Amino acid sequence: MKRLAILASGSGSNAEKIMEQFQKSTKGKVVLIASNKSEAFVLERAKKFDVPTFTFSKKEMEAGVLLKKLQEEQIDWVILAGFLLKIPDELIRAFPERMVNIHPALLPNYGGKGMYGMHVHEAVKANGDQQTGITIHLVNEHYDEGKIIFQAATPVSKEDSPETIAQKVHALEHRYFPEVIESLL
């Protein structure tokens, strides 16, 4: 049984879907939710599933506090679900090919520093794209450049706003991210 940690910075809707998936899994279990924001709603979601939480600052993460915690908890896989800080190289090296992220666009489009959440959906709308989607990828030293594991697309119409685009992308995230993670184990 693989031990999973989820890193999240915000609401945690993807983290909740992952915790739901792994309640009944024989392959893995979510054993830790870690956040760089003590007010992140993901910490409340974790309580519903009796999953322990851990908060840390950017400075603490860069000093190795998060890595030490993940090692203490004997974590096998690290899942980024709306985690907005750049992962230190030392942390990436500690989980080679075992750290996965989800991005709200079809990479390589709309990836890189500053391209997250509504920024991505606003760019898709501004460029008049006819489709967008999600990319699930391994994490490496560069923003959104790790090996692509899975992509799913959704159409974008002229009537769509960045908010409706976000809703379509969230539906894809919730449907596929938990399943893809389980398939990796």
N, C-alpha and C. Protein backbone atom coordinates (compact mmCIF):
# COMPACT_ATOMS: atom_id res chain seq x y z
N MET A 1 0.85 -1.18 0.00
CA MET A 1 0.00 0.00 0.00
C MET A 1 0.89 1.24 0.00
N LYS A 2 0.80 2.03 -1.06
CA LYS A 2 1.61 3.23 -1.19
C LYS A 2 1.05 4.35 -0.30
N ARG A 3 1.94 5.13 0.26
CA ARG A 3 1.56 6.24 1.14
C ARG A 3 1.68 7.54 0.35
N LEU A 4 0.56 8.27 0.27
CA LEU A 4 0.50 9.48 -0.54
C LEU A 4 0.40 10.72 0.34
N ALA A 5 1.10 11.77 -0.08
CA ALA A 5 0.95 13.10 0.52
C ALA A 5 0.46 14.03 -0.58
N ILE A 6 -0.49 14.87 -0.24
CA ILE A 6 -1.01 15.87 -1.18
C ILE A 6 -0.54 17.24 -0.71
N LEU A 7 0.07 17.99 -1.63
CA LEU A 7 0.44 19.38 -1.36
C LEU A 7 -0.58 20.26 -2.05
N ALA A 8 -1.16 21.20 -1.30
CA ALA A 8 -2.18 22.09 -1.85
C ALA A 8 -2.06 23.46 -1.19
N SER A 9 -2.45 24.50 -1.92
CA SER A 9 -2.38 25.86 -1.40
C SER A 9 -3.74 26.51 -1.22
N GLY A 10 -4.81 25.87 -1.68
CA GLY A 10 -6.10 26.57 -1.70
C GLY A 10 -7.26 25.76 -1.20
N SER A 11 -8.34 25.80 -1.97
CA SER A 11 -9.62 25.20 -1.60
C SER A 11 -9.54 23.69 -1.41
N GLY A 12 -8.83 23.03 -2.29
CA GLY A 12 -8.64 21.60 -2.13
C GLY A 12 -9.70 20.70 -2.74
N SER A 13 -10.42 21.18 -3.76
CA SER A 13 -11.45 20.32 -4.35
C SER A 13 -10.82 19.10 -5.02
N ASN A 14 -9.67 19.26 -5.67
CA ASN A 14 -9.00 18.09 -6.25
C ASN A 14 -8.50 17.16 -5.15
N ALA A 15 -7.97 17.72 -4.09
CA ALA A 15 -7.49 16.90 -2.96
C ALA A 15 -8.64 16.08 -2.39
N GLU A 16 -9.82 16.69 -2.29
CA GLU A 16 -10.98 15.96 -1.76
C GLU A 16 -11.34 14.78 -2.66
N LYS A 17 -11.34 14.99 -3.97
CA LYS A 17 -11.64 13.89 -4.91
C LYS A 17 -10.60 12.78 -4.79
N ILE A 18 -9.35 13.16 -4.58
CA ILE A 18 -8.28 12.16 -4.43
C ILE A 18 -8.48 11.38 -3.12
N MET A 19 -8.80 12.09 -2.04
CA MET A 19 -9.05 11.39 -0.77
C MET A 19 -10.23 10.44 -0.89
N GLU A 20 -11.27 10.85 -1.60
CA GLU A 20 -12.42 9.97 -1.84
C GLU A 20 -11.98 8.70 -2.58
N GLN A 21 -11.21 8.88 -3.65
CA GLN A 21 -10.75 7.76 -4.47
C GLN A 21 -9.96 6.75 -3.64
N PHE A 22 -9.09 7.27 -2.77
CA PHE A 22 -8.18 6.38 -2.05
C PHE A 22 -8.76 5.84 -0.75
N GLN A 23 -9.97 6.22 -0.39
CA GLN A 23 -10.63 5.60 0.76
C GLN A 23 -10.90 4.13 0.48
N LYS A 24 -11.17 3.81 -0.78
CA LYS A 24 -11.54 2.44 -1.14
C LYS A 24 -10.45 1.73 -1.94
N SER A 25 -9.31 2.36 -2.11
CA SER A 25 -8.24 1.79 -2.93
C SER A 25 -7.46 0.73 -2.17
N THR A 26 -6.99 -0.25 -2.90
CA THR A 26 -6.08 -1.24 -2.32
C THR A 26 -4.63 -0.93 -2.71
N LYS A 27 -4.45 0.11 -3.52
CA LYS A 27 -3.11 0.48 -4.01
C LYS A 27 -2.43 1.55 -3.18
N GLY A 28 -3.23 2.45 -2.60
CA GLY A 28 -2.62 3.55 -1.88
C GLY A 28 -3.56 4.19 -0.89
N LYS A 29 -2.98 5.06 -0.07
CA LYS A 29 -3.75 5.76 0.96
C LYS A 29 -3.17 7.16 1.13
N VAL A 30 -4.06 8.16 1.20
CA VAL A 30 -3.61 9.52 1.49
C VAL A 30 -3.37 9.60 2.99
N VAL A 31 -2.13 9.86 3.38
CA VAL A 31 -1.77 9.88 4.80
C VAL A 31 -1.38 11.27 5.29
N LEU A 32 -1.31 12.25 4.37
CA LEU A 32 -0.92 13.60 4.78
C LEU A 32 -1.40 14.62 3.76
N ILE A 33 -1.96 15.71 4.27
CA ILE A 33 -2.25 16.90 3.46
C ILE A 33 -1.32 17.98 3.98
N ALA A 34 -0.51 18.55 3.11
CA ALA A 34 0.43 19.60 3.51
C ALA A 34 0.15 20.86 2.71
N SER A 35 0.20 22.00 3.41
CA SER A 35 -0.10 23.27 2.76
C SER A 35 0.84 24.36 3.25
N ASN A 36 1.14 25.27 2.33
CA ASN A 36 1.94 26.44 2.68
C ASN A 36 1.07 27.59 3.19
N LYS A 37 -0.24 27.35 3.32
CA LYS A 37 -1.15 28.39 3.81
C LYS A 37 -2.00 27.82 4.93
N SER A 38 -1.85 28.37 6.11
CA SER A 38 -2.57 27.85 7.28
C SER A 38 -4.08 28.07 7.17
N GLU A 39 -4.51 29.01 6.31
CA GLU A 39 -5.94 29.28 6.15
C GLU A 39 -6.54 28.54 4.94
N ALA A 40 -5.77 27.71 4.27
CA ALA A 40 -6.26 27.00 3.08
C ALA A 40 -7.41 26.06 3.45
N PHE A 41 -8.48 26.10 2.68
CA PHE A 41 -9.65 25.28 2.98
C PHE A 41 -9.37 23.79 2.83
N VAL A 42 -8.33 23.44 2.09
CA VAL A 42 -7.96 22.02 1.95
C VAL A 42 -7.73 21.38 3.32
N LEU A 43 -7.28 22.17 4.30
CA LEU A 43 -7.03 21.64 5.64
C LEU A 43 -8.34 21.23 6.32
N GLU A 44 -9.41 21.96 6.04
CA GLU A 44 -10.74 21.59 6.54
C GLU A 44 -11.24 20.33 5.85
N ARG A 45 -11.03 20.26 4.55
CA ARG A 45 -11.46 19.06 3.81
C ARG A 45 -10.79 17.81 4.35
N ALA A 46 -9.52 17.93 4.74
CA ALA A 46 -8.78 16.78 5.26
C ALA A 46 -9.44 16.21 6.52
N LYS A 47 -10.03 17.08 7.33
CA LYS A 47 -10.68 16.63 8.57
C LYS A 47 -11.81 15.65 8.29
N LYS A 48 -12.55 15.86 7.19
CA LYS A 48 -13.66 14.96 6.84
C LYS A 48 -13.18 13.53 6.63
N PHE A 49 -11.92 13.39 6.24
CA PHE A 49 -11.36 12.07 5.91
C PHE A 49 -10.38 11.58 6.98
N ASP A 50 -10.29 12.34 8.08
CA ASP A 50 -9.34 12.01 9.16
C ASP A 50 -7.90 11.90 8.65
N VAL A 51 -7.54 12.75 7.72
CA VAL A 51 -6.18 12.78 7.19
C VAL A 51 -5.41 13.87 7.93
N PRO A 52 -4.28 13.53 8.52
CA PRO A 52 -3.47 14.52 9.23
C PRO A 52 -3.00 15.64 8.28
N THR A 53 -2.80 16.82 8.85
CA THR A 53 -2.35 17.96 8.06
C THR A 53 -1.04 18.50 8.61
N PHE A 54 -0.36 19.25 7.75
CA PHE A 54 0.93 19.85 8.10
C PHE A 54 1.03 21.17 7.34
N THR A 55 1.37 22.23 8.04
CA THR A 55 1.56 23.52 7.37
C THR A 55 3.01 23.96 7.53
N PHE A 56 3.44 24.72 6.54
CA PHE A 56 4.84 25.17 6.49
C PHE A 56 4.90 26.45 5.69
N SER A 57 5.96 27.20 5.88
CA SER A 57 6.18 28.42 5.10
C SER A 57 7.09 28.10 3.91
N LYS A 58 7.14 29.02 2.98
CA LYS A 58 8.05 28.87 1.83
C LYS A 58 9.49 28.73 2.34
N LYS A 59 9.84 29.55 3.30
CA LYS A 59 11.19 29.52 3.85
C LYS A 59 11.49 28.16 4.49
N GLU A 60 10.51 27.63 5.23
CA GLU A 60 10.69 26.31 5.85
C GLU A 60 10.83 25.22 4.79
N MET A 61 10.03 25.33 3.72
CA MET A 61 10.14 24.34 2.65
C MET A 61 11.54 24.38 2.04
N GLU A 62 12.01 25.58 1.77
CA GLU A 62 13.34 25.73 1.17
C GLU A 62 14.45 25.25 2.10
N ALA A 63 14.19 25.28 3.41
CA ALA A 63 15.18 24.82 4.40
C ALA A 63 15.09 23.31 4.65
N GLY A 64 14.17 22.63 3.97
CA GLY A 64 14.09 21.17 4.09
C GLY A 64 13.09 20.64 5.09
N VAL A 65 12.30 21.53 5.71
CA VAL A 65 11.33 21.09 6.72
C VAL A 65 10.27 20.16 6.11
N LEU A 66 9.76 20.52 4.93
CA LEU A 66 8.75 19.68 4.27
C LEU A 66 9.34 18.32 3.88
N LEU A 67 10.52 18.32 3.31
CA LEU A 67 11.17 17.06 2.93
C LEU A 67 11.33 16.16 4.16
N LYS A 68 11.77 16.73 5.26
CA LYS A 68 11.95 15.95 6.49
C LYS A 68 10.62 15.33 6.92
N LYS A 69 9.54 16.11 6.87
CA LYS A 69 8.22 15.61 7.26
C LYS A 69 7.79 14.46 6.34
N LEU A 70 7.97 14.63 5.03
CA LEU A 70 7.59 13.59 4.07
C LEU A 70 8.39 12.30 4.33
N GLN A 71 9.66 12.45 4.66
CA GLN A 71 10.49 11.29 4.96
C GLN A 71 10.05 10.62 6.27
N GLU A 72 9.72 11.43 7.28
CA GLU A 72 9.25 10.88 8.56
C GLU A 72 7.96 10.08 8.37
N GLU A 73 7.11 10.56 7.48
CA GLU A 73 5.83 9.89 7.22
C GLU A 73 5.96 8.75 6.22
N GLN A 74 7.17 8.47 5.76
CA GLN A 74 7.45 7.39 4.82
C GLN A 74 6.58 7.49 3.56
N ILE A 75 6.52 8.70 3.01
CA ILE A 75 5.71 8.98 1.83
C ILE A 75 6.34 8.34 0.60
N ASP A 76 5.50 7.68 -0.20
CA ASP A 76 5.95 7.06 -1.45
C ASP A 76 5.73 7.98 -2.64
N TRP A 77 4.58 8.68 -2.65
CA TRP A 77 4.20 9.55 -3.77
C TRP A 77 3.77 10.91 -3.24
N VAL A 78 4.18 11.96 -3.94
CA VAL A 78 3.77 13.32 -3.62
C VAL A 78 2.88 13.81 -4.76
N ILE A 79 1.69 14.28 -4.39
CA ILE A 79 0.71 14.76 -5.36
C ILE A 79 0.53 16.26 -5.18
N LEU A 80 0.73 17.02 -6.24
CA LEU A 80 0.50 18.46 -6.20
C LEU A 80 -0.90 18.73 -6.74
N ALA A 81 -1.74 19.32 -5.91
CA ALA A 81 -3.13 19.57 -6.30
C ALA A 81 -3.44 21.04 -5.97
N GLY A 82 -3.07 21.91 -6.89
CA GLY A 82 -3.26 23.33 -6.63
C GLY A 82 -2.22 23.87 -5.68
N PHE A 83 -1.00 23.38 -5.80
CA PHE A 83 0.11 23.86 -4.97
C PHE A 83 0.87 24.90 -5.78
N LEU A 84 1.02 26.09 -5.24
CA LEU A 84 1.47 27.22 -6.04
C LEU A 84 2.93 27.63 -5.85
N LEU A 85 3.67 26.94 -5.01
CA LEU A 85 5.09 27.27 -4.85
C LEU A 85 5.94 26.37 -5.73
N LYS A 86 7.08 26.90 -6.16
CA LYS A 86 8.03 26.08 -6.92
C LYS A 86 8.69 25.10 -5.95
N ILE A 87 8.72 23.85 -6.37
CA ILE A 87 9.28 22.79 -5.53
C ILE A 87 10.81 22.85 -5.59
N PRO A 88 11.47 22.86 -4.43
CA PRO A 88 12.95 22.86 -4.42
C PRO A 88 13.51 21.60 -5.09
N ASP A 89 14.63 21.75 -5.76
CA ASP A 89 15.26 20.64 -6.47
C ASP A 89 15.52 19.44 -5.55
N GLU A 90 15.93 19.72 -4.32
CA GLU A 90 16.23 18.64 -3.37
C GLU A 90 14.99 17.78 -3.11
N LEU A 91 13.84 18.41 -3.03
CA LEU A 91 12.59 17.69 -2.81
C LEU A 91 12.21 16.86 -4.04
N ILE A 92 12.41 17.43 -5.22
CA ILE A 92 12.12 16.70 -6.46
C ILE A 92 13.03 15.46 -6.56
N ARG A 93 14.31 15.65 -6.24
CA ARG A 93 15.26 14.52 -6.31
C ARG A 93 14.91 13.41 -5.31
N ALA A 94 14.26 13.77 -4.20
CA ALA A 94 13.90 12.77 -3.19
C ALA A 94 12.74 11.87 -3.65
N PHE A 95 11.99 12.34 -4.67
CA PHE A 95 10.84 11.58 -5.18
C PHE A 95 10.92 11.47 -6.70
N PRO A 96 11.99 10.85 -7.21
CA PRO A 96 12.15 10.77 -8.67
C PRO A 96 11.02 9.95 -9.30
N GLU A 97 10.37 10.55 -10.30
CA GLU A 97 9.28 9.88 -11.01
C GLU A 97 8.13 9.52 -10.07
N ARG A 98 8.08 10.14 -8.89
CA ARG A 98 7.03 9.86 -7.92
C ARG A 98 6.41 11.15 -7.36
N MET A 99 6.49 12.21 -8.15
CA MET A 99 5.85 13.47 -7.80
C MET A 99 5.05 13.91 -9.02
N VAL A 100 3.75 14.08 -8.84
CA VAL A 100 2.86 14.34 -9.97
C VAL A 100 2.07 15.62 -9.72
N ASN A 101 1.83 16.35 -10.80
CA ASN A 101 1.11 17.62 -10.75
C ASN A 101 -0.01 17.61 -11.79
N ILE A 102 -1.01 18.45 -11.56
CA ILE A 102 -2.05 18.66 -12.56
C ILE A 102 -2.01 20.12 -12.96
N HIS A 103 -2.16 20.36 -14.27
CA HIS A 103 -2.13 21.73 -14.80
C HIS A 103 -3.43 21.97 -15.57
N PRO A 104 -4.05 23.15 -15.40
CA PRO A 104 -5.36 23.41 -16.02
C PRO A 104 -5.29 23.89 -17.46
N ALA A 105 -4.48 23.23 -18.27
CA ALA A 105 -4.37 23.53 -19.70
C ALA A 105 -3.70 22.35 -20.38
N LEU A 106 -3.73 22.39 -21.69
CA LEU A 106 -3.07 21.35 -22.48
C LEU A 106 -1.63 21.77 -22.72
N LEU A 107 -0.75 21.34 -21.83
CA LEU A 107 0.67 21.67 -21.99
C LEU A 107 1.19 21.12 -23.31
N PRO A 108 2.12 21.80 -23.96
CA PRO A 108 2.94 22.88 -23.43
C PRO A 108 2.27 24.26 -23.44
N ASN A 109 1.05 24.37 -23.94
CA ASN A 109 0.38 25.67 -23.95
C ASN A 109 0.05 26.13 -22.53
N TYR A 110 0.25 27.39 -22.29
CA TYR A 110 -0.15 28.04 -21.03
C TYR A 110 0.51 27.45 -19.80
N GLY A 111 1.76 27.06 -19.94
CA GLY A 111 2.53 26.58 -18.80
C GLY A 111 3.56 27.61 -18.38
N GLY A 112 4.22 27.34 -17.28
CA GLY A 112 5.29 28.21 -16.81
C GLY A 112 4.89 29.07 -15.64
N LYS A 113 5.85 29.82 -15.16
CA LYS A 113 5.66 30.67 -13.99
C LYS A 113 4.50 31.64 -14.20
N GLY A 114 3.65 31.74 -13.22
CA GLY A 114 2.52 32.66 -13.27
C GLY A 114 1.30 32.12 -14.00
N MET A 115 1.43 30.96 -14.63
CA MET A 115 0.30 30.38 -15.36
C MET A 115 -0.38 29.33 -14.49
N TYR A 116 -1.35 29.79 -13.72
CA TYR A 116 -2.12 28.90 -12.87
C TYR A 116 -3.53 29.48 -12.73
N GLY A 117 -4.48 28.60 -12.40
CA GLY A 117 -5.85 29.04 -12.12
C GLY A 117 -6.44 29.92 -13.19
N MET A 118 -7.07 31.00 -12.75
CA MET A 118 -7.79 31.89 -13.67
C MET A 118 -6.87 32.56 -14.69
N HIS A 119 -5.59 32.71 -14.37
CA HIS A 119 -4.65 33.29 -15.35
C HIS A 119 -4.64 32.45 -16.63
N VAL A 120 -4.69 31.13 -16.45
CA VAL A 120 -4.69 30.22 -17.61
C VAL A 120 -6.00 30.38 -18.38
N HIS A 121 -7.12 30.35 -17.69
CA HIS A 121 -8.43 30.41 -18.36
C HIS A 121 -8.64 31.75 -19.06
N GLU A 122 -8.14 32.83 -18.47
CA GLU A 122 -8.22 34.14 -19.11
C GLU A 122 -7.38 34.18 -20.39
N ALA A 123 -6.22 33.53 -20.36
CA ALA A 123 -5.36 33.48 -21.55
C ALA A 123 -6.00 32.65 -22.66
N VAL A 124 -6.61 31.54 -22.29
CA VAL A 124 -7.31 30.69 -23.27
C VAL A 124 -8.42 31.50 -23.95
N LYS A 125 -9.19 32.21 -23.16
CA LYS A 125 -10.28 33.04 -23.69
C LYS A 125 -9.74 34.16 -24.57
N ALA A 126 -8.72 34.85 -24.09
CA ALA A 126 -8.14 35.98 -24.84
C ALA A 126 -7.59 35.55 -26.19
N ASN A 127 -7.06 34.34 -26.25
CA ASN A 127 -6.48 33.84 -27.50
C ASN A 127 -7.51 33.19 -28.42
N GLY A 128 -8.74 33.06 -27.96
CA GLY A 128 -9.78 32.49 -28.81
C GLY A 128 -9.62 31.01 -29.08
N ASP A 129 -8.97 30.30 -28.17
CA ASP A 129 -8.77 28.86 -28.36
C ASP A 129 -10.12 28.14 -28.45
N GLN A 130 -10.15 27.08 -29.25
CA GLN A 130 -11.38 26.31 -29.40
C GLN A 130 -11.42 25.10 -28.48
N GLN A 131 -10.31 24.85 -27.79
CA GLN A 131 -10.30 23.79 -26.79
C GLN A 131 -9.26 24.09 -25.72
N THR A 132 -9.48 23.52 -24.58
CA THR A 132 -8.52 23.56 -23.48
C THR A 132 -8.64 22.24 -22.76
N GLY A 133 -8.02 22.13 -21.62
CA GLY A 133 -8.13 20.85 -20.91
C GLY A 133 -7.22 20.79 -19.73
N ILE A 134 -6.79 19.57 -19.42
CA ILE A 134 -5.90 19.33 -18.29
C ILE A 134 -4.69 18.52 -18.75
N THR A 135 -3.61 18.69 -18.02
CA THR A 135 -2.42 17.87 -18.22
C THR A 135 -1.96 17.38 -16.86
N ILE A 136 -1.78 16.08 -16.74
CA ILE A 136 -1.21 15.48 -15.55
C ILE A 136 0.21 15.08 -15.92
N HIS A 137 1.17 15.56 -15.13
CA HIS A 137 2.57 15.34 -15.51
C HIS A 137 3.45 15.12 -14.28
N LEU A 138 4.58 14.48 -14.51
CA LEU A 138 5.58 14.34 -13.46
C LEU A 138 6.22 15.70 -13.23
N VAL A 139 6.72 15.91 -12.03
CA VAL A 139 7.34 17.19 -11.69
C VAL A 139 8.84 17.08 -11.89
N ASN A 140 9.40 18.11 -12.55
CA ASN A 140 10.85 18.22 -12.64
C ASN A 140 11.26 19.62 -12.17
N GLU A 141 12.48 20.03 -12.46
CA GLU A 141 13.00 21.29 -11.95
C GLU A 141 12.40 22.52 -12.61
N HIS A 142 11.64 22.34 -13.68
CA HIS A 142 11.08 23.49 -14.41
C HIS A 142 9.55 23.46 -14.33
N TYR A 143 8.97 24.65 -14.17
CA TYR A 143 7.50 24.74 -14.11
C TYR A 143 6.86 24.04 -15.32
N ASP A 144 6.00 23.09 -15.06
CA ASP A 144 5.13 22.49 -16.07
C ASP A 144 5.86 21.86 -17.26
N GLU A 145 7.08 21.37 -17.03
CA GLU A 145 7.84 20.77 -18.12
C GLU A 145 8.14 19.28 -17.92
N GLY A 146 7.61 18.70 -16.85
CA GLY A 146 7.85 17.27 -16.61
C GLY A 146 7.13 16.40 -17.61
N LYS A 147 7.52 15.13 -17.63
CA LYS A 147 6.94 14.15 -18.55
C LYS A 147 5.41 14.13 -18.42
N ILE A 148 4.74 14.26 -19.57
CA ILE A 148 3.27 14.23 -19.59
C ILE A 148 2.79 12.80 -19.47
N ILE A 149 1.87 12.59 -18.51
CA ILE A 149 1.31 11.27 -18.27
C ILE A 149 -0.06 11.13 -18.92
N PHE A 150 -0.85 12.21 -18.88
CA PHE A 150 -2.25 12.15 -19.34
C PHE A 150 -2.74 13.55 -19.69
N GLN A 151 -3.54 13.62 -20.74
CA GLN A 151 -4.23 14.87 -21.10
C GLN A 151 -5.67 14.56 -21.47
N ALA A 152 -6.55 15.50 -21.16
CA ALA A 152 -7.95 15.41 -21.58
C ALA A 152 -8.38 16.81 -22.00
N ALA A 153 -9.19 16.89 -23.06
CA ALA A 153 -9.59 18.17 -23.61
C ALA A 153 -11.09 18.40 -23.46
N THR A 154 -11.45 19.67 -23.51
CA THR A 154 -12.85 20.07 -23.52
C THR A 154 -12.99 21.23 -24.50
N PRO A 155 -14.11 21.30 -25.24
CA PRO A 155 -14.28 22.41 -26.19
C PRO A 155 -14.49 23.75 -25.47
N VAL A 156 -14.08 24.80 -26.14
CA VAL A 156 -14.31 26.16 -25.66
C VAL A 156 -15.11 26.87 -26.75
N SER A 157 -16.25 27.45 -26.37
CA SER A 157 -17.07 28.18 -27.33
C SER A 157 -16.85 29.67 -27.18
N LYS A 158 -17.28 30.42 -28.17
CA LYS A 158 -17.15 31.88 -28.12
C LYS A 158 -17.92 32.46 -26.94
N GLU A 159 -18.98 31.76 -26.53
CA GLU A 159 -19.81 32.23 -25.42
C GLU A 159 -19.17 31.99 -24.05
N ASP A 160 -18.19 31.09 -24.00
CA ASP A 160 -17.57 30.78 -22.71
C ASP A 160 -16.82 31.98 -22.15
N SER A 161 -16.94 32.15 -20.85
CA SER A 161 -16.16 33.15 -20.11
C SER A 161 -15.01 32.42 -19.43
N PRO A 162 -14.03 33.13 -18.90
CA PRO A 162 -12.99 32.43 -18.13
C PRO A 162 -13.59 31.59 -17.00
N GLU A 163 -14.68 32.05 -16.41
CA GLU A 163 -15.32 31.31 -15.33
C GLU A 163 -15.95 30.00 -15.83
N THR A 164 -16.62 30.03 -16.97
CA THR A 164 -17.21 28.79 -17.49
C THR A 164 -16.12 27.84 -18.00
N ILE A 165 -15.05 28.41 -18.52
CA ILE A 165 -13.90 27.57 -18.92
C ILE A 165 -13.35 26.87 -17.67
N ALA A 166 -13.23 27.61 -16.59
CA ALA A 166 -12.72 27.04 -15.34
C ALA A 166 -13.62 25.89 -14.87
N GLN A 167 -14.93 26.05 -14.99
CA GLN A 167 -15.85 24.99 -14.58
C GLN A 167 -15.64 23.72 -15.41
N LYS A 168 -15.47 23.90 -16.72
CA LYS A 168 -15.23 22.74 -17.59
C LYS A 168 -13.92 22.03 -17.22
N VAL A 169 -12.88 22.82 -16.95
CA VAL A 169 -11.58 22.25 -16.60
C VAL A 169 -11.66 21.54 -15.25
N HIS A 170 -12.33 22.15 -14.27
CA HIS A 170 -12.49 21.50 -12.97
C HIS A 170 -13.20 20.15 -13.11
N ALA A 171 -14.19 20.08 -13.97
CA ALA A 171 -14.90 18.80 -14.18
C ALA A 171 -13.93 17.73 -14.68
N LEU A 172 -13.03 18.11 -15.60
CA LEU A 172 -12.03 17.16 -16.10
C LEU A 172 -11.07 16.75 -14.98
N GLU A 173 -10.62 17.74 -14.20
CA GLU A 173 -9.69 17.45 -13.10
C GLU A 173 -10.30 16.45 -12.13
N HIS A 174 -11.53 16.72 -11.71
CA HIS A 174 -12.18 15.86 -10.72
C HIS A 174 -12.43 14.46 -11.27
N ARG A 175 -12.72 14.38 -12.56
CA ARG A 175 -12.99 13.07 -13.16
C ARG A 175 -11.72 12.23 -13.30
N TYR A 176 -10.65 12.86 -13.78
CA TYR A 176 -9.48 12.07 -14.19
C TYR A 176 -8.31 12.02 -13.20
N PHE A 177 -8.07 13.08 -12.44
CA PHE A 177 -6.85 13.12 -11.62
C PHE A 177 -6.78 11.94 -10.63
N PRO A 178 -7.84 11.67 -9.85
CA PRO A 178 -7.74 10.54 -8.92
C PRO A 178 -7.46 9.20 -9.62
N GLU A 179 -8.13 8.96 -10.74
CA GLU A 179 -7.95 7.70 -11.47
C GLU A 179 -6.54 7.56 -12.02
N VAL A 180 -6.01 8.65 -12.56
CA VAL A 180 -4.66 8.61 -13.14
C VAL A 180 -3.62 8.36 -12.05
N ILE A 181 -3.79 9.01 -10.90
CA ILE A 181 -2.88 8.77 -9.78
C ILE A 181 -2.91 7.30 -9.40
N GLU A 182 -4.09 6.73 -9.25
CA GLU A 182 -4.19 5.32 -8.87
C GLU A 182 -3.53 4.43 -9.91
N SER A 183 -3.68 4.76 -11.18
CA SER A 183 -3.06 3.93 -12.22
C SER A 183 -1.54 3.99 -12.16
N LEU A 184 -0.98 5.08 -11.66
CA LEU A 184 0.48 5.21 -11.54
C LEU A 184 1.05 4.30 -10.45
N LEU A 185 0.24 4.01 -9.46
CA LEU A 185 0.73 3.20 -8.34
C LEU A 185 0.87 1.74 -8.76
